[in-house]
Amino acid sequence: MIDVNEPARPEHPGHITGRSGPDNATPEARQTSGTEQPCTVAPHPRGSRLRRTLLAALVTVSVAVPVSGAARSSAVPAPVPAASAASVPLRAATPAVLAARYAASGGAIRAAERTASGGGHRWRAAMLRAMADPARRFLFFDGRDGGRAAEVFGDLTGAERIAVLVPGSDTDLDKYGYLRGGSLRLLHKLGGGSAVIAWLGYRTPGTVSLAALTSGRAEEAAPDLRTFIRELSAAQPAARISLLCHSYGSVVCARAASGLDVADIVLYGSAGVGVDDVAALRTRATVWAGRGTADWIRDVPHAWLRLPFVTVGFGADPVSPEFGARVFAAGVGGHSDYLKGGSVALENIARIVSGQAPSEAGRGA
């Protein structure tokens, strides 16, 4: 039995979704646990020199500092998923269609587990065995290059409200338990008539990497997220859909935002999304932003640094008045605590997904 109120594990300094590699936790414990055009506007003059200096320092660190730990998750081999019902567009969320997709994805997970086990990748194999549990439901799965998956929590066929979680840096199959745990806690908070989808649909950057400071991975991910949300909207036209975007996931959501039929876009733990303000997202959705008072992301400079072949940084602070989002209280939590059981952030995110006004208690950024 999974305890959906399990406390969040201590976060690695500078780590988006938890510890950076396998540790003493068991696989079972770990399992519970935009615009179309990139913005190239220079930072505002006020404090720009300090911000650019800090941003340059971040670039230096991200390039020069190696990430220690286990072998890269992307290095674990996996088979190409077989063409199946999981590749058919989700035109209707009927029990028969969903059952076919869940079964096809389960087969892909089991095939990936056999490959990982045969190659001696015991940690990944253990993760995949847990994911292959018949009680779990995946809309798609691909074990290659760190992994892609979309897991459904709750009853999608009868859902009146659907939350789609888009995770940030360093989220892959080996650390998937953190995303799963947050999804379960949110579902528990939302109650009946709700579904939560954990959308690990892109190649996330490493936290300590230049990729985490640029929009390249987000631009790669945006078309797939846009397609997924449009299919979901077509399948469940009466459901209220909210897009929940954590950290680097907020950059992905910003790149996909234009034209998406969603009620809310919720940015939390975000260093910026690459635009000056909400209007530049070109979305009819209500855009929300929240940040915990103990979140280290608040110290990331809100600026752009133009290099010869890339622009580094994401500009405006999403919780600033100038950005124009509706700011919600996120309490005193850290970067990995937004969906922690009993947190102010979890309470308010659930209220937003349900179409209610968030509470003012615990406001701080």
Protein backbone atom coordinates (compact mmCIF):
# COMPACT_ATOMS: atom_id res chain seq x y z
CA MET A 1 0.00 0.00 0.00
CA ILE A 2 1.53 3.34 -1.00
CA ASP A 3 1.40 6.15 1.52
CA VAL A 4 0.52 9.19 -0.57
CA ASN A 5 1.39 11.45 2.36
CA GLU A 6 4.94 10.20 2.60
CA PRO A 7 7.29 13.14 3.34
CA ALA A 8 9.48 14.31 0.48
CA ARG A 9 13.04 13.07 0.62
CA PRO A 10 15.89 15.52 1.25
CA GLU A 11 16.80 17.27 -1.95
CA HIS A 12 20.28 17.36 -3.41
CA PRO A 13 21.65 20.93 -3.43
CA GLY A 14 20.82 22.29 -6.85
CA HIS A 15 18.87 19.17 -7.76
CA ILE A 16 15.48 19.51 -9.37
CA THR A 17 13.72 16.31 -8.45
CA GLY A 18 15.64 14.70 -5.61
CA ARG A 19 18.92 12.87 -5.19
CA SER A 20 21.05 12.49 -8.25
CA GLY A 21 21.41 8.74 -8.40
CA PRO A 22 20.69 5.38 -6.76
CA ASP A 23 21.44 5.31 -3.06
CA ASN A 24 20.44 3.27 -0.05
CA ALA A 25 16.73 3.58 -0.80
CA THR A 26 15.08 0.46 -2.17
CA PRO A 27 13.53 0.51 -5.64
CA GLU A 28 10.11 0.13 -4.06
CA ALA A 29 10.68 3.15 -1.80
CA ARG A 30 11.90 5.24 -4.70
CA GLN A 31 8.77 4.34 -6.66
CA THR A 32 6.57 5.92 -3.99
CA SER A 33 8.44 8.66 -3.23
CA GLY A 34 5.44 29.15 -25.18
CA THR A 35 5.92 30.88 -27.48
CA GLU A 36 6.98 29.62 -30.89
CA GLN A 37 9.94 32.03 -31.05
CA PRO A 38 12.65 32.09 -28.35
CA CYS A 39 12.95 35.44 -26.64
CA THR A 40 16.24 37.30 -27.12
CA VAL A 41 15.47 40.49 -25.20
CA ALA A 42 18.32 41.74 -23.03
CA PRO A 43 17.86 41.99 -19.25
CA HIS A 44 16.48 45.18 -17.77
CA PRO A 45 19.19 47.75 -16.95
CA ARG A 46 18.55 47.66 -13.21
CA GLY A 47 21.08 45.30 -11.68
CA SER A 48 21.89 43.81 -15.08
CA ARG A 49 25.67 43.79 -14.55
CA LEU A 50 25.36 41.74 -11.34
CA ARG A 51 22.84 39.41 -12.91
CA ARG A 52 24.98 38.82 -15.97
CA THR A 53 28.01 38.18 -13.76
CA LEU A 54 26.09 35.61 -11.72
CA LEU A 55 24.68 34.00 -14.84
CA ALA A 56 28.14 33.75 -16.38
CA ALA A 57 29.31 32.04 -13.19
CA LEU A 58 26.45 29.55 -13.48
CA VAL A 59 27.45 28.77 -17.05
CA THR A 60 31.05 28.18 -15.98
CA VAL A 61 29.98 25.84 -13.20
CA SER A 62 27.54 23.92 -15.41
CA VAL A 63 30.22 23.29 -18.02
CA ALA A 64 33.17 22.64 -15.72
CA VAL A 65 31.70 20.67 -12.81
CA PRO A 66 31.24 16.94 -13.48
CA VAL A 67 28.20 15.20 -12.06
CA SER A 68 29.30 12.22 -10.00
CA GLY A 69 27.38 9.07 -9.32
CA ALA A 70 26.13 6.09 -11.25
CA ALA A 71 26.29 5.61 -14.99
CA ARG A 72 24.11 7.99 -16.95
CA SER A 73 20.51 6.89 -17.14
CA SER A 74 20.50 7.52 -20.89
CA ALA A 75 23.24 4.91 -21.32
CA VAL A 76 20.94 2.04 -20.29
CA PRO A 77 19.81 0.26 -23.48
CA ALA A 78 16.17 -0.43 -24.27
CA PRO A 79 14.34 -1.85 -27.29
CA VAL A 80 12.36 0.21 -29.75
CA PRO A 81 8.71 0.01 -28.64
CA ALA A 82 6.66 -2.15 -31.00
CA ALA A 83 4.03 -0.41 -33.12
CA SER A 84 0.80 -0.99 -31.24
CA ALA A 85 -2.34 0.58 -29.86
CA ALA A 86 -0.14 2.92 -27.83
CA SER A 87 0.86 4.70 -31.04
CA VAL A 88 -2.75 5.32 -32.11
CA PRO A 89 -4.03 8.86 -31.35
CA LEU A 90 -6.16 9.03 -28.21
CA ARG A 91 -9.38 10.12 -29.93
CA ALA A 92 -11.70 8.80 -27.23
CA ALA A 93 -11.00 7.91 -23.62
CA THR A 94 -13.27 4.87 -23.71
CA PRO A 95 -12.47 1.92 -21.45
CA ALA A 96 -11.63 -0.25 -24.48
CA VAL A 97 -9.22 2.28 -26.03
CA LEU A 98 -7.51 2.96 -22.71
CA ALA A 99 -7.23 -0.75 -21.91
CA ALA A 100 -5.51 -1.35 -25.25
CA ARG A 101 -3.04 1.46 -24.68
CA TYR A 102 -2.31 0.35 -21.11
CA ALA A 103 -1.71 -3.22 -22.28
CA ALA A 104 0.60 -2.12 -25.10
CA SER A 105 2.62 0.12 -22.80
CA GLY A 106 2.87 -2.66 -20.24
CA GLY A 107 4.38 -4.91 -22.92
CA ALA A 108 6.94 -2.23 -23.79
CA ILE A 109 7.89 -1.87 -20.13
CA ARG A 110 8.40 -5.61 -19.74
CA ALA A 111 10.54 -5.73 -22.88
CA ALA A 112 12.68 -2.88 -21.54
CA GLU A 113 13.02 -4.67 -18.20
CA ARG A 114 14.32 -7.80 -19.90
CA THR A 115 16.88 -5.76 -21.84
CA ALA A 116 18.05 -3.90 -18.74
CA SER A 117 18.27 -7.09 -16.72
CA GLY A 118 20.18 -8.89 -19.45
CA GLY A 119 22.65 -6.02 -19.63
CA GLY A 120 23.32 -6.07 -15.90
CA HIS A 121 21.52 -2.78 -15.16
CA ARG A 122 19.95 -4.01 -11.96
CA TRP A 123 18.62 -0.69 -10.66
CA ARG A 124 16.83 0.12 -13.90
CA ALA A 125 15.49 -3.42 -14.12
CA ALA A 126 14.06 -3.09 -10.60
CA MET A 127 12.41 0.22 -11.50
CA LEU A 128 10.87 -1.32 -14.60
CA ARG A 129 9.59 -4.38 -12.75
CA ALA A 130 7.70 -2.04 -10.42
CA MET A 131 6.34 -0.07 -13.37
CA ALA A 132 5.15 -3.29 -15.04
CA ASP A 133 2.71 -3.99 -12.20
CA PRO A 134 -0.64 -4.76 -13.93
CA ALA A 135 -2.38 -2.31 -11.61
CA ARG A 136 -0.42 0.60 -13.10
CA ARG A 137 -1.58 2.35 -16.29
CA PHE A 138 0.66 4.00 -18.86
CA LEU A 139 -0.57 5.81 -21.97
CA PHE A 140 2.85 5.45 -23.56
CA PHE A 141 6.31 4.17 -22.69
CA ASP A 142 9.73 4.25 -24.32
CA GLY A 143 12.73 3.10 -22.29
CA ARG A 144 15.41 4.60 -24.55
CA ASP A 145 17.63 7.58 -23.77
CA GLY A 146 16.62 7.97 -20.13
CA GLY A 147 13.01 7.04 -20.74
CA ARG A 148 9.66 8.52 -21.76
CA ALA A 149 6.36 7.66 -20.09
CA ALA A 150 2.90 8.98 -19.29
CA GLU A 151 1.25 7.32 -16.29
CA VAL A 152 -2.41 7.79 -15.36
CA PHE A 153 -3.55 8.06 -11.76
CA GLY A 154 -7.27 7.98 -11.08
CA ASP A 155 -10.17 7.27 -13.45
CA LEU A 156 -9.46 9.03 -16.73
CA THR A 157 -12.73 7.88 -18.33
CA GLY A 158 -14.89 9.70 -15.78
CA ALA A 159 -12.59 12.55 -14.81
CA GLU A 160 -14.12 16.01 -14.49
CA ARG A 161 -10.70 17.56 -13.91
CA ILE A 162 -7.32 16.39 -15.20
CA ALA A 163 -3.90 17.60 -14.07
CA VAL A 164 -0.92 16.96 -16.35
CA LEU A 165 2.42 17.16 -14.53
CA VAL A 166 5.48 18.20 -16.55
CA PRO A 167 8.66 17.57 -14.53
CA GLY A 168 11.97 19.40 -14.58
CA SER A 169 15.64 18.54 -14.86
CA ASP A 170 17.13 15.18 -13.94
CA THR A 171 13.83 13.32 -14.11
CA ASP A 172 14.23 9.94 -15.79
CA LEU A 173 13.18 6.34 -15.24
CA ASP A 174 15.73 5.86 -12.46
CA LYS A 175 14.28 8.79 -10.50
CA TYR A 176 10.71 8.41 -11.67
CA GLY A 177 9.50 7.64 -8.14
CA TYR A 178 9.58 11.32 -7.18
CA LEU A 179 7.24 12.24 -10.02
CA ARG A 180 4.99 9.30 -9.19
CA GLY A 181 4.87 10.19 -5.50
CA GLY A 182 3.87 13.77 -6.22
CA SER A 183 1.19 12.62 -8.64
CA LEU A 184 -0.32 10.28 -6.06
CA ARG A 185 -0.35 12.96 -3.37
CA LEU A 186 -2.04 15.42 -5.72
CA LEU A 187 -4.67 12.85 -6.70
CA HIS A 188 -5.35 12.14 -3.04
CA LYS A 189 -5.82 15.87 -2.42
CA LEU A 190 -8.10 16.35 -5.44
CA GLY A 191 -10.43 13.53 -4.48
CA GLY A 192 -13.06 11.87 -6.65
CA GLY A 193 -13.80 12.86 -10.22
CA SER A 194 -10.11 13.62 -10.82
CA ALA A 195 -7.21 12.18 -12.77
CA VAL A 196 -3.52 13.05 -12.73
CA ILE A 197 -1.13 12.26 -15.57
CA ALA A 198 2.62 12.21 -14.98
CA TRP A 199 4.01 13.27 -18.36
CA LEU A 200 7.68 12.34 -18.68
CA GLY A 201 7.58 12.92 -22.41
CA TYR A 202 10.95 14.51 -23.09
CA ARG A 203 14.69 14.20 -22.63
CA THR A 204 15.21 16.24 -19.49
CA PRO A 205 18.51 18.08 -19.00
CA GLY A 206 20.86 17.47 -16.12
CA THR A 207 20.58 20.09 -13.39
CA VAL A 208 24.30 20.87 -13.51
CA SER A 209 24.52 21.32 -17.27
CA LEU A 210 24.41 24.04 -19.89
CA ALA A 211 21.26 22.38 -21.29
CA ALA A 212 19.39 23.29 -18.09
CA LEU A 213 20.17 26.98 -18.71
CA THR A 214 18.99 27.03 -22.33
CA SER A 215 15.71 26.33 -24.10
CA GLY A 216 16.92 23.61 -26.49
CA ARG A 217 15.44 20.63 -24.65
CA ALA A 218 12.17 22.53 -24.15
CA GLU A 219 11.93 23.32 -27.84
CA GLU A 220 12.40 19.62 -28.60
CA ALA A 221 9.69 18.66 -26.11
CA ALA A 222 7.05 21.27 -26.91
CA PRO A 223 5.58 19.65 -30.06
CA ASP A 224 5.04 16.35 -28.25
CA LEU A 225 3.44 18.03 -25.24
CA ARG A 226 1.21 20.10 -27.53
CA THR A 227 0.09 16.96 -29.40
CA PHE A 228 -0.55 15.09 -26.16
CA ILE A 229 -2.70 17.86 -24.67
CA ARG A 230 -4.69 18.29 -27.87
CA GLU A 231 -5.43 14.56 -28.03
CA LEU A 232 -6.38 14.56 -24.36
CA SER A 233 -8.70 17.54 -24.89
CA ALA A 234 -10.36 15.81 -27.84
CA ALA A 235 -10.78 12.60 -25.86
CA GLN A 236 -12.21 14.34 -22.79
CA PRO A 237 -13.80 17.56 -24.08
CA ALA A 238 -15.87 18.12 -20.94
CA ALA A 239 -12.94 17.81 -18.53
CA ARG A 240 -11.12 20.79 -17.04
CA ILE A 241 -7.43 20.30 -17.90
CA SER A 242 -4.60 22.00 -16.01
CA LEU A 243 -0.93 21.96 -16.98
CA LEU A 244 1.38 21.81 -13.93
CA CYS A 245 4.95 22.75 -14.77
CA HIS A 246 7.83 22.29 -12.33
CA SER A 247 11.20 24.02 -12.72
CA TYR A 248 12.62 23.39 -16.22
CA GLY A 249 9.24 21.86 -17.06
CA SER A 250 7.89 25.43 -16.99
CA VAL A 251 10.10 26.24 -19.99
CA VAL A 252 8.61 23.24 -21.81
CA CYS A 253 5.08 24.42 -21.00
CA ALA A 254 5.86 27.95 -22.16
CA ARG A 255 7.11 26.69 -25.52
CA ALA A 256 3.92 24.59 -25.92
CA ALA A 257 1.43 27.09 -24.46
CA SER A 258 0.19 28.91 -27.56
CA GLY A 259 -3.18 27.56 -28.63
CA LEU A 260 -3.45 24.84 -25.99
CA ASP A 261 -7.00 24.20 -24.77
CA VAL A 262 -6.25 24.14 -21.05
CA ALA A 263 -7.85 26.04 -18.17
CA ASP A 264 -4.66 26.73 -16.23
CA ILE A 265 -0.91 26.75 -16.66
CA VAL A 266 0.75 26.53 -13.25
CA LEU A 267 4.45 27.42 -13.02
CA TYR A 268 6.15 26.43 -9.77
CA GLY A 269 9.80 26.38 -8.79
CA SER A 270 10.51 28.20 -12.06
CA ALA A 271 13.59 30.30 -12.78
CA GLY A 272 11.82 31.82 -15.80
CA VAL A 273 10.27 30.64 -19.04
CA GLY A 274 12.07 32.67 -21.68
CA VAL A 275 9.55 35.48 -22.17
CA ASP A 276 9.04 38.89 -20.59
CA ASP A 277 5.44 38.44 -19.52
CA VAL A 278 2.29 36.34 -19.64
CA ALA A 279 1.04 38.07 -22.78
CA ALA A 280 4.02 36.69 -24.71
CA LEU A 281 2.83 33.14 -23.99
CA ARG A 282 -0.16 33.76 -26.27
CA THR A 283 -2.49 31.57 -24.24
CA ARG A 284 -6.09 31.89 -23.11
CA ALA A 285 -5.30 29.84 -20.02
CA THR A 286 -4.98 31.45 -16.61
CA VAL A 287 -1.26 31.50 -15.81
CA TRP A 288 -0.30 30.97 -12.18
CA ALA A 289 3.13 31.13 -10.54
CA GLY A 290 4.37 30.09 -7.09
CA ARG A 291 7.69 29.66 -5.33
CA GLY A 292 8.51 28.39 -1.84
CA THR A 293 10.53 30.63 0.44
CA ALA A 294 13.24 27.95 0.85
CA ASP A 295 13.52 27.15 -2.87
CA TRP A 296 17.09 27.71 -4.09
CA ILE A 297 15.74 28.61 -7.54
CA ARG A 298 14.97 32.10 -6.23
CA ASP A 299 18.71 32.84 -6.35
CA VAL A 300 19.06 32.02 -10.05
CA PRO A 301 19.61 35.34 -11.92
CA HIS A 302 16.64 36.52 -13.97
CA ALA A 303 18.56 37.56 -17.05
CA TRP A 304 19.72 36.49 -20.50
CA LEU A 305 23.33 36.04 -21.51
CA ARG A 306 23.98 35.98 -25.26
CA LEU A 307 26.78 33.62 -26.28
CA PRO A 308 27.96 33.11 -29.88
CA PHE A 309 25.63 30.18 -30.61
CA VAL A 310 23.11 30.16 -27.77
CA THR A 311 21.24 32.41 -25.35
CA VAL A 312 21.57 31.33 -21.73
CA GLY A 313 19.00 32.10 -19.04
CA PHE A 314 15.23 32.54 -18.99
CA GLY A 315 14.67 36.19 -18.19
CA ALA A 316 11.76 37.54 -16.17
CA ASP A 317 10.88 36.11 -12.77
CA PRO A 318 7.48 34.37 -13.05
CA VAL A 319 6.41 35.51 -9.56
CA SER A 320 7.30 39.17 -10.19
CA PRO A 321 4.49 41.70 -10.71
CA GLU A 322 6.00 42.61 -14.08
CA PHE A 323 5.52 39.09 -15.42
CA GLY A 324 1.78 39.28 -14.80
CA ALA A 325 0.96 35.77 -13.58
CA ARG A 326 -1.46 35.18 -10.73
CA VAL A 327 0.87 34.44 -7.84
CA PHE A 328 -0.22 31.76 -5.37
CA ALA A 329 1.18 31.06 -1.93
CA ALA A 330 3.64 28.14 -1.94
CA GLY A 331 4.68 28.13 1.71
CA VAL A 332 8.14 27.58 3.13
CA GLY A 333 9.11 24.48 1.14
CA GLY A 334 12.18 23.82 -0.94
CA HIS A 335 12.55 23.01 -4.61
CA SER A 336 11.29 19.43 -4.34
CA ASP A 337 8.52 20.15 -1.82
CA TYR A 338 5.69 21.57 -3.91
CA LEU A 339 3.72 18.32 -3.95
CA LYS A 340 4.76 17.26 -0.47
CA GLY A 341 1.92 15.97 1.68
CA GLY A 342 0.42 18.67 3.88
CA SER A 343 2.24 21.52 2.13
CA VAL A 344 0.70 24.90 1.35
CA ALA A 345 1.80 24.50 -2.27
CA LEU A 346 0.00 21.15 -2.67
CA GLU A 347 -3.16 22.59 -1.16
CA ASN A 348 -3.16 25.58 -3.50
CA ILE A 349 -2.21 23.65 -6.62
CA ALA A 350 -5.10 21.27 -5.93
CA ARG A 351 -7.45 24.23 -5.48
CA ILE A 352 -6.34 25.70 -8.82
CA VAL A 353 -6.85 22.37 -10.61
CA SER A 354 -10.34 22.21 -9.07
CA GLY A 355 -11.19 25.71 -10.32
CA GLN A 356 -11.09 27.30 -6.88
CA ALA A 357 -9.18 30.35 -5.71
CA PRO A 358 -5.97 29.47 -3.85
CA SER A 359 -5.53 30.32 -0.19
CA GLU A 360 -3.50 33.38 0.80
CA ALA A 361 -2.00 31.61 3.81
CA GLY A 362 1.71 30.92 3.51
CA ARG A 363 2.37 33.51 0.79
CA GLY A 364 6.03 34.15 0.09
CA ALA A 365 8.47 34.14 -2.81
